């Protein structure tokens, strides 16, 4: 029998669908089936919505401690002064009409009993569990950088209060000050994120504090959309942004929040007025504690339905899972959520999951009217995630300004459609 294929397309996302998937048959005779989803972000909210949409008889419970979701995508625009926090903050109200929403934290998973214990002490039973917990920051991976240090040197890599803190520090900094961004080695959430952040902060500096400088200390020698970003830096921010790769001393190994210094692996100390330290990351604690992560700190999964290769009946999606070469992005997590939802619906009905293909599109702002993008397609090859040969690529480096402005418009359309898809 030919394998059914499901395709995630760029056009579908811009149209507001997020992913174009053939809806699985509704589960029949499964009134007692229970699906629990941990985490209400791009992956988890999507998975919960689509399990319920495709299998209305299934009891779907979404566990999420926050009453509102603040997106990391577009949080850099808050730092640049182009968006307010309210514009990237989304309510679970409409989603709660579809699924049972529990505002609590998942404290432990008992895979043998198939239960999730909540921080509040109660337990929820499941037949299939979808875990989309996102990332945790590796406190201590950079000497001197712990949770307390992040109140002086914010990471702002989980959008919310840290975003507000970093923006306030930028506003309070004197003209002529120095901002230092410490960018981590791969893998980490949102590979283009530190470099769009540099653009948005530089835009703010250029318009409000033009004597200031921004230094990127990078634990890598290359990064996503590098040529496009560097073209933009040269054109718009040549006197503001300096990028220091790892080969030239870019890896930060120690910080001193009291002195506001960052030390590289060669012992050079960098003084900052504002320091944005983005540390190494791994899967969130609930996934690691449940035995879903391997020695890398990330969670291995099989590609058909994102079921954990370490613990049965649990699917891990989004930033926490190992799905390279797919990046850890909001777009990818949204498509993971749909594929995992389809797989869970099929498995509850006694069918094998269908094979899927995926796409990723990532838009970045260089200025308010100058955007760049990267797009790639992925499939399963030899039982593993793989890039589709010859697919994807970045937007052209020689594009004119009208094209760059359209990239901004496409990005805005993407953001509106994917958040509507999750929460609408």
Protein backbone atom coordinates (compact mmCIF):
# COMPACT_ATOMS: atom_id res chain seq x y z
CA UNK A 1 0.00 0.00 0.00
CA UNK A 2 1.34 3.43 -0.90
CA UNK A 3 2.37 5.56 2.06
CA UNK A 4 0.13 8.58 2.69
CA UNK A 5 2.18 11.80 2.70
CA UNK A 6 1.34 15.05 4.46
CA UNK A 7 2.97 18.29 3.37
CA UNK A 8 3.66 21.52 5.24
CA UNK A 9 3.87 24.37 2.71
CA UNK A 10 5.02 27.97 2.85
CA UNK A 11 1.82 29.08 1.10
CA UNK A 12 -0.28 27.32 3.74
CA UNK A 13 1.41 29.23 6.53
CA UNK A 14 0.97 32.60 4.89
CA UNK A 15 -2.68 31.69 4.29
CA UNK A 16 -3.03 31.17 8.03
CA UNK A 17 -2.94 27.37 8.23
CA UNK A 18 0.54 26.80 9.66
CA UNK A 19 0.68 23.38 8.02
CA UNK A 20 -1.23 21.69 5.26
CA UNK A 21 -2.07 18.23 6.52
CA UNK A 22 -4.59 15.67 5.42
CA UNK A 23 -6.88 15.41 8.45
CA UNK A 24 -6.86 11.88 9.89
CA UNK A 25 -10.09 9.99 10.26
CA UNK A 26 -11.88 10.82 13.48
CA UNK A 27 -11.28 8.25 16.19
CA UNK A 28 -14.35 6.08 16.65
CA UNK A 29 -15.18 4.15 19.77
CA UNK A 30 -12.51 6.05 21.70
CA UNK A 31 -14.68 8.14 24.03
CA UNK A 32 -12.46 7.20 26.95
CA UNK A 33 -9.19 8.00 25.17
CA UNK A 34 -7.16 10.61 27.05
CA UNK A 35 -4.47 12.79 25.50
CA UNK A 36 -2.47 15.10 27.74
CA UNK A 37 -0.25 17.86 26.38
CA UNK A 38 2.45 19.51 28.48
CA UNK A 39 3.32 23.05 27.40
CA UNK A 40 1.15 25.65 25.68
CA UNK A 41 3.63 27.16 23.23
CA UNK A 42 3.95 26.86 19.46
CA UNK A 43 4.10 23.06 19.62
CA UNK A 44 1.86 22.18 22.54
CA UNK A 45 -1.02 24.58 21.87
CA UNK A 46 -1.08 23.45 18.25
CA UNK A 47 -1.00 19.75 19.16
CA UNK A 48 -3.82 20.10 21.69
CA UNK A 49 -6.00 22.02 19.24
CA UNK A 50 -5.54 19.59 16.38
CA UNK A 51 -5.97 16.38 18.39
CA UNK A 52 -9.34 17.71 19.51
CA UNK A 53 -10.24 18.96 16.04
CA UNK A 54 -9.39 15.66 14.39
CA UNK A 55 -10.74 13.43 17.17
CA UNK A 56 -13.58 15.24 18.96
CA UNK A 57 -14.38 12.24 21.18
CA UNK A 58 -10.92 12.23 22.73
CA UNK A 59 -10.46 14.00 26.05
CA UNK A 60 -7.65 16.52 25.53
CA UNK A 61 -6.00 18.24 28.49
CA UNK A 62 -3.42 21.00 28.05
CA UNK A 63 -1.17 21.67 31.05
CA UNK A 64 0.26 25.20 31.01
CA UNK A 65 1.06 27.33 34.08
CA UNK A 66 0.81 30.72 32.38
CA UNK A 67 -2.54 32.33 31.64
CA UNK A 68 -1.08 34.09 28.60
CA UNK A 69 1.60 33.16 26.09
CA UNK A 70 4.33 35.63 25.16
CA UNK A 71 6.05 34.76 21.88
CA UNK A 72 9.79 34.76 21.42
CA UNK A 73 9.23 35.52 17.72
CA UNK A 74 8.81 39.28 17.40
CA UNK A 75 10.14 39.91 20.91
CA UNK A 76 13.26 41.40 19.30
CA UNK A 77 10.98 44.06 17.81
CA UNK A 78 10.01 45.04 21.35
CA UNK A 79 13.69 45.63 22.07
CA UNK A 80 13.93 47.80 18.97
CA UNK A 81 10.88 49.83 19.93
CA UNK A 82 8.76 48.57 17.01
CA UNK A 83 6.25 46.55 19.06
CA UNK A 84 4.69 46.68 22.52
CA UNK A 85 4.61 43.65 24.80
CA UNK A 86 0.85 43.53 24.37
CA UNK A 87 1.34 42.82 20.64
CA UNK A 88 3.24 39.59 21.36
CA UNK A 89 1.02 38.43 24.24
CA UNK A 90 -1.77 35.97 23.46
CA UNK A 91 -4.71 34.64 25.46
CA UNK A 92 -5.65 30.98 25.84
CA UNK A 93 -9.33 31.94 26.10
CA UNK A 94 -10.44 30.61 22.70
CA UNK A 95 -8.29 27.49 22.96
CA UNK A 96 -9.79 26.72 26.38
CA UNK A 97 -13.19 26.41 24.67
CA UNK A 98 -11.81 23.49 22.64
CA UNK A 99 -9.69 21.62 25.20
CA UNK A 100 -9.49 21.28 28.96
CA UNK A 101 -6.89 23.82 30.06
CA UNK A 102 -5.14 23.27 33.41
CA UNK A 103 -3.14 26.26 34.64
CA UNK A 104 -0.49 24.42 36.64
CA UNK A 105 3.03 23.10 36.12
CA UNK A 106 3.77 19.48 35.31
CA UNK A 107 5.98 18.29 38.18
CA UNK A 108 6.60 14.65 37.20
CA UNK A 109 5.71 12.04 34.60
CA UNK A 110 5.12 8.42 35.61
CA UNK A 111 5.46 6.60 32.29
CA UNK A 112 4.60 3.18 33.71
CA UNK A 113 1.36 4.42 35.31
CA UNK A 114 0.76 6.86 32.43
CA UNK A 115 0.11 9.80 34.72
CA UNK A 116 1.33 13.37 35.06
CA UNK A 117 1.64 14.81 38.56
CA UNK A 118 0.97 18.52 38.83
CA UNK A 119 2.79 21.00 41.04
CA UNK A 120 -0.46 21.42 42.94
CA UNK A 121 -0.44 17.72 43.87
CA UNK A 122 -3.14 16.24 41.66
CA UNK A 123 -2.50 13.73 38.88
CA UNK A 124 -3.86 13.43 35.35
CA UNK A 125 -3.97 10.09 33.52
CA UNK A 126 -3.22 9.74 29.83
CA UNK A 127 -3.25 7.18 27.05
CA UNK A 128 -0.89 9.29 24.95
CA UNK A 129 1.23 12.15 26.23
CA UNK A 130 2.63 14.98 24.10
CA UNK A 131 5.48 16.87 25.75
CA UNK A 132 6.30 20.32 24.38
CA UNK A 133 8.09 21.98 27.29
CA UNK A 134 10.54 24.17 25.40
CA UNK A 135 14.01 24.89 26.70
CA UNK A 136 15.80 25.50 29.95
CA UNK A 137 18.92 27.61 30.19
CA UNK A 138 22.11 25.87 31.27
CA UNK A 139 22.86 27.93 34.35
CA UNK A 140 26.56 27.71 35.15
CA UNK A 141 27.62 26.68 31.65
CA UNK A 142 29.18 30.14 31.54
CA UNK A 143 31.04 30.66 34.82
CA UNK A 144 29.27 33.28 36.92
CA UNK A 145 26.06 33.18 34.94
CA UNK A 146 23.18 31.84 37.00
CA UNK A 147 19.55 32.83 37.41
CA UNK A 148 20.47 35.66 39.77
CA UNK A 149 22.99 37.00 37.25
CA UNK A 150 20.26 37.14 34.61
CA UNK A 151 18.60 39.94 36.57
CA UNK A 152 21.69 42.07 35.89
CA UNK A 153 22.66 40.56 32.53
CA UNK A 154 19.32 39.45 31.02
CA UNK A 155 19.12 36.60 28.54
CA UNK A 156 15.64 37.56 27.28
CA UNK A 157 15.55 34.15 25.57
CA UNK A 158 12.24 33.35 27.22
CA UNK A 159 10.00 36.24 26.26
CA UNK A 160 8.26 38.12 29.05
CA UNK A 161 9.75 39.91 32.07
CA UNK A 162 13.28 39.40 30.73
CA UNK A 163 12.31 41.16 27.49
CA UNK A 164 10.97 44.10 29.49
CA UNK A 165 14.11 44.17 31.65
CA UNK A 166 16.47 44.28 28.67
CA UNK A 167 14.43 47.01 26.97
CA UNK A 168 14.49 49.12 30.14
CA UNK A 169 18.26 48.71 30.41
CA UNK A 170 18.66 49.92 26.83
CA UNK A 171 16.46 52.91 27.53
CA UNK A 172 18.40 53.76 30.71
CA UNK A 173 21.84 53.44 29.10
CA UNK A 174 23.70 56.65 28.32
CA UNK A 175 24.39 57.61 24.73
CA UNK A 176 27.85 56.31 23.95
CA UNK A 177 27.36 53.13 25.95
CA UNK A 178 28.38 49.63 24.86
CA UNK A 179 25.98 46.70 24.53
CA UNK A 180 27.45 43.20 24.42
CA UNK A 181 25.46 40.21 23.15
CA UNK A 182 26.87 36.77 23.96
CA UNK A 183 25.59 34.25 21.39
CA UNK A 184 25.78 30.49 22.12
CA UNK A 185 27.03 27.59 20.05
CA UNK A 186 24.55 25.32 18.27
CA UNK A 187 22.02 23.89 18.95
CA UNK A 188 19.86 26.55 20.54
CA UNK A 189 16.42 28.07 20.19
CA UNK A 190 15.97 30.30 17.11
CA UNK A 191 19.34 30.25 15.29
CA UNK A 192 18.86 33.69 13.62
CA UNK A 193 17.56 35.26 16.84
CA UNK A 194 20.75 36.83 18.26
CA UNK A 195 21.52 38.51 14.93
CA UNK A 196 18.04 39.92 14.40
CA UNK A 197 18.27 41.11 18.00
CA UNK A 198 21.51 42.90 17.17
CA UNK A 199 19.74 44.60 14.23
CA UNK A 200 16.79 45.73 16.30
CA UNK A 201 18.95 47.03 19.16
CA UNK A 202 21.21 48.76 16.63
CA UNK A 203 18.15 50.37 15.03
CA UNK A 204 17.14 51.73 18.43
CA UNK A 205 20.65 53.01 19.05
CA UNK A 206 20.89 54.63 15.61
CA UNK A 207 17.65 56.52 16.17
CA UNK A 208 17.97 57.31 19.89
CA UNK A 209 21.61 56.86 21.02
CA UNK A 210 23.81 57.14 17.92
CA UNK A 211 27.13 57.32 19.76
CA UNK A 212 26.64 53.81 21.20
CA UNK A 213 28.18 50.53 20.05
CA UNK A 214 27.05 46.90 19.98
CA UNK A 215 29.44 43.93 20.11
CA UNK A 216 28.38 40.35 19.38
CA UNK A 217 30.64 37.82 21.07
CA UNK A 218 29.84 34.58 19.26
CA UNK A 219 30.68 30.98 20.20
CA UNK A 220 30.48 30.11 16.46
CA UNK A 221 32.30 31.05 13.27
CA UNK A 222 29.13 31.00 11.18
CA UNK A 223 25.43 31.54 11.74
CA UNK A 224 22.02 31.46 10.07
CA UNK A 225 21.52 33.96 7.21
CA UNK A 226 25.04 35.24 7.85
CA UNK A 227 25.63 36.87 4.46
CA UNK A 228 22.25 38.61 4.51
CA UNK A 229 22.71 39.89 8.04
CA UNK A 230 26.23 41.12 7.38
CA UNK A 231 25.08 42.89 4.22
CA UNK A 232 22.47 44.66 6.32
CA UNK A 233 24.97 45.53 9.04
CA UNK A 234 27.36 47.02 6.50
CA UNK A 235 24.62 49.12 4.94
CA UNK A 236 22.75 50.31 8.03
CA UNK A 237 24.89 49.74 11.11
CA UNK A 238 28.53 49.81 10.01
CA UNK A 239 29.50 52.18 12.84
CA UNK A 240 27.47 50.36 15.47
CA UNK A 241 27.72 46.54 15.16
CA UNK A 242 30.92 44.52 15.58
CA UNK A 243 30.79 40.72 15.31
CA UNK A 244 33.54 38.66 16.99
CA UNK A 245 33.50 34.96 15.96
CA UNK A 246 34.83 32.16 18.14
CA UNK A 247 38.06 31.97 16.12
CA UNK A 248 38.82 35.56 17.16
CA UNK A 249 37.87 35.23 20.82
CA UNK A 250 34.09 35.34 20.65
CA UNK A 251 33.30 32.53 23.08
CA UNK A 252 32.34 33.89 26.49
CA UNK A 253 33.50 31.61 29.30
CA UNK A 254 32.98 33.80 32.37
CA UNK A 255 30.91 36.81 33.40
CA UNK A 256 31.03 39.18 36.36
CA UNK A 257 27.62 40.81 36.78
CA UNK A 258 28.85 43.18 39.48
CA UNK A 259 31.64 44.51 37.27
CA UNK A 260 29.55 44.13 34.08
CA UNK A 261 32.35 42.28 32.32
CA UNK A 262 32.42 39.25 30.02
CA UNK A 263 35.60 37.23 29.63
CA UNK A 264 36.40 35.22 26.52
CA UNK A 265 38.33 31.94 26.35
CA UNK A 266 41.57 33.83 25.68
CA UNK A 267 41.21 35.78 28.91
CA UNK A 268 40.21 39.09 27.34
CA UNK A 269 37.71 41.06 29.41
CA UNK A 270 34.92 43.00 27.69
CA UNK A 271 33.23 45.81 29.61
CA UNK A 272 29.54 46.36 28.94
CA UNK A 273 26.98 48.96 29.91
CA UNK A 274 24.27 46.48 28.93
CA UNK A 275 24.99 42.75 28.61
CA UNK A 276 22.61 40.31 26.92
CA UNK A 277 23.95 36.86 27.77
CA UNK A 278 22.28 34.04 25.82
CA UNK A 279 23.63 30.87 27.46
CA UNK A 280 23.67 27.29 26.14
CA UNK A 281 20.35 25.49 26.44
CA UNK A 282 18.78 22.04 26.76
CA UNK A 283 15.34 20.48 26.99
CA UNK A 284 13.19 21.72 29.87
CA UNK A 285 13.49 20.01 33.25
CA UNK A 286 10.24 18.02 33.07
CA UNK A 287 11.53 16.23 29.95
CA UNK A 288 14.97 15.56 31.41
CA UNK A 289 13.54 14.30 34.71
CA UNK A 290 11.21 11.93 32.86
CA UNK A 291 14.13 10.26 31.09
CA UNK A 292 13.18 11.68 27.71
CA UNK A 293 16.55 13.37 27.11
CA UNK A 294 19.82 11.68 26.24
CA UNK A 295 23.33 12.79 27.24
CA UNK A 296 23.08 15.80 24.93
CA UNK A 297 20.27 17.21 27.06
CA UNK A 298 17.84 17.01 24.14
CA UNK A 299 15.14 14.40 23.45
CA UNK A 300 15.58 11.81 20.67
CA UNK A 301 12.39 10.94 18.77
CA UNK A 302 11.36 8.73 15.88
CA UNK A 303 10.47 10.85 12.84
CA UNK A 304 7.05 9.46 11.91
CA UNK A 305 5.17 10.75 14.94
CA UNK A 306 7.79 12.23 17.29
CA UNK A 307 7.38 9.38 19.76
CA UNK A 308 10.27 9.26 22.19
CA UNK A 309 12.86 6.61 21.40
CA UNK A 310 13.51 6.31 25.15
CA UNK A 311 9.99 6.19 26.66
CA UNK A 312 6.95 4.66 25.00
CA UNK A 313 3.60 6.43 24.55
CA UNK A 314 5.20 9.85 24.94
CA UNK A 315 5.74 12.21 22.01
CA UNK A 316 8.24 15.09 22.32
CA UNK A 317 7.93 18.06 20.00
CA UNK A 318 9.26 21.57 19.49
CA UNK A 319 12.54 22.95 20.79
CA UNK A 320 13.06 20.09 23.26
CA UNK A 321 13.36 17.31 20.68
CA UNK A 322 16.21 16.30 18.40
CA UNK A 323 14.93 16.91 14.87
CA UNK A 324 18.06 18.26 13.13
CA UNK A 325 18.53 19.46 10.46
CA UNK A 326 15.25 21.21 11.26
CA UNK A 327 15.99 24.29 13.38
CA UNK A 328 14.46 24.98 16.78
CA UNK A 329 11.91 27.56 15.63
CA UNK A 330 8.29 28.51 16.24
CA UNK A 331 7.32 27.53 12.70
CA UNK A 332 8.88 24.09 13.11
CA UNK A 333 7.28 23.56 16.53
CA UNK A 334 3.87 24.40 15.06
CA UNK A 335 4.34 21.81 12.31
CA UNK A 336 5.63 19.28 14.87
CA UNK A 337 2.42 19.82 16.80
CA UNK A 338 0.26 18.95 13.82
CA UNK A 339 2.27 15.91 12.82
CA UNK A 340 2.29 14.62 16.41
CA UNK A 341 -1.45 15.26 16.70
CA UNK A 342 -2.10 13.27 13.52
CA UNK A 343 0.14 10.46 14.77
CA UNK A 344 -1.61 10.30 18.15
CA UNK A 345 -5.04 10.23 16.50
CA UNK A 346 -3.91 7.42 14.20
CA UNK A 347 -2.33 5.39 17.00
CA UNK A 348 -5.42 5.67 19.19
CA UNK A 349 -7.40 4.30 16.26
CA UNK A 350 -4.98 1.40 15.82
CA UNK A 351 -3.31 2.75 12.67
CA UNK A 352 0.31 3.53 11.89
CA UNK A 353 1.18 7.24 11.62
CA UNK A 354 1.41 8.67 8.12
CA UNK A 355 4.72 9.93 6.82
CA UNK A 356 5.11 13.72 6.71
CA UNK A 357 7.24 16.36 5.08
CA UNK A 358 7.98 19.71 6.70
CA UNK A 359 8.94 23.22 5.72
CA UNK A 360 10.47 26.03 7.71
CA UNK A 361 10.36 29.72 6.87
CA UNK A 362 12.07 32.27 9.10
CA UNK A 363 11.80 36.02 8.57
CA UNK A 364 14.12 38.50 10.27
CA UNK A 365 13.97 42.27 10.56
CA UNK A 366 17.12 44.23 9.75
CA UNK A 367 15.27 47.57 9.83
CA UNK A 368 11.52 48.29 10.01
CA UNK A 369 11.38 48.16 6.20
CA UNK A 370 14.19 45.72 5.34
CA UNK A 371 13.58 42.02 5.88
CA UNK A 372 15.42 38.80 5.05
CA UNK A 373 14.36 35.18 5.12
CA UNK A 374 15.42 31.57 4.91
CA UNK A 375 13.24 28.64 3.81
CA UNK A 376 13.92 24.91 3.78
CA UNK A 377 12.06 21.65 3.20
CA UNK A 378 12.58 18.44 5.17
CA UNK A 379 11.52 14.83 4.82
CA UNK A 380 12.36 11.38 6.16
CA UNK A 381 15.28 9.66 4.48
CA UNK A 382 16.71 6.33 5.64
CA UNK A 383 14.54 6.59 8.76
CA UNK A 384 15.92 9.97 9.80
CA UNK A 385 15.03 13.64 9.47
CA UNK A 386 16.80 15.09 6.43
CA UNK A 387 16.78 18.20 4.27
CA UNK A 388 15.19 17.78 0.85
CA UNK A 389 18.08 18.04 -1.63
CA UNK A 390 18.02 21.27 -3.60
CA UNK A 391 15.19 22.81 -1.58
CA UNK A 392 15.08 26.05 0.29
CA UNK A 393 17.72 28.72 0.69
CA UNK A 394 17.90 32.35 1.70
CA UNK A 395 16.32 35.32 0.03
CA UNK A 396 18.58 36.76 -2.70
CA UNK A 397 21.43 38.97 -1.53
CA UNK A 398 20.99 41.30 -4.51
CA UNK A 399 17.28 41.92 -3.91
CA UNK A 400 16.08 45.52 -4.16
CA UNK A 401 14.47 47.54 -1.40
CA UNK A 402 10.94 46.80 -2.60
CA UNK A 403 11.65 43.08 -2.22
CA UNK A 404 13.06 43.64 1.27
CA UNK A 405 9.96 45.56 2.30
CA UNK A 406 7.77 42.72 1.05
CA UNK A 407 9.80 40.35 3.23
CA UNK A 408 8.73 42.44 6.21
CA UNK A 409 5.10 42.20 5.09
CA UNK A 410 5.42 38.43 4.63
CA UNK A 411 6.90 38.14 8.11
CA UNK A 412 4.07 40.14 9.61
CA UNK A 413 1.58 37.91 7.77
CA UNK A 414 3.34 34.80 9.03
CA UNK A 415 3.21 36.00 12.62
CA UNK A 416 -0.49 36.90 12.44
CA UNK A 417 -1.43 33.61 10.77
CA UNK A 418 0.56 31.27 13.02
CA UNK A 419 -0.69 32.85 16.24
CA UNK A 420 -4.25 32.72 14.93
CA UNK A 421 -3.70 29.08 14.02
CA UNK A 422 -2.53 28.33 17.57
CA UNK A 423 -5.03 30.31 19.58
CA UNK A 424 -7.87 31.27 17.22
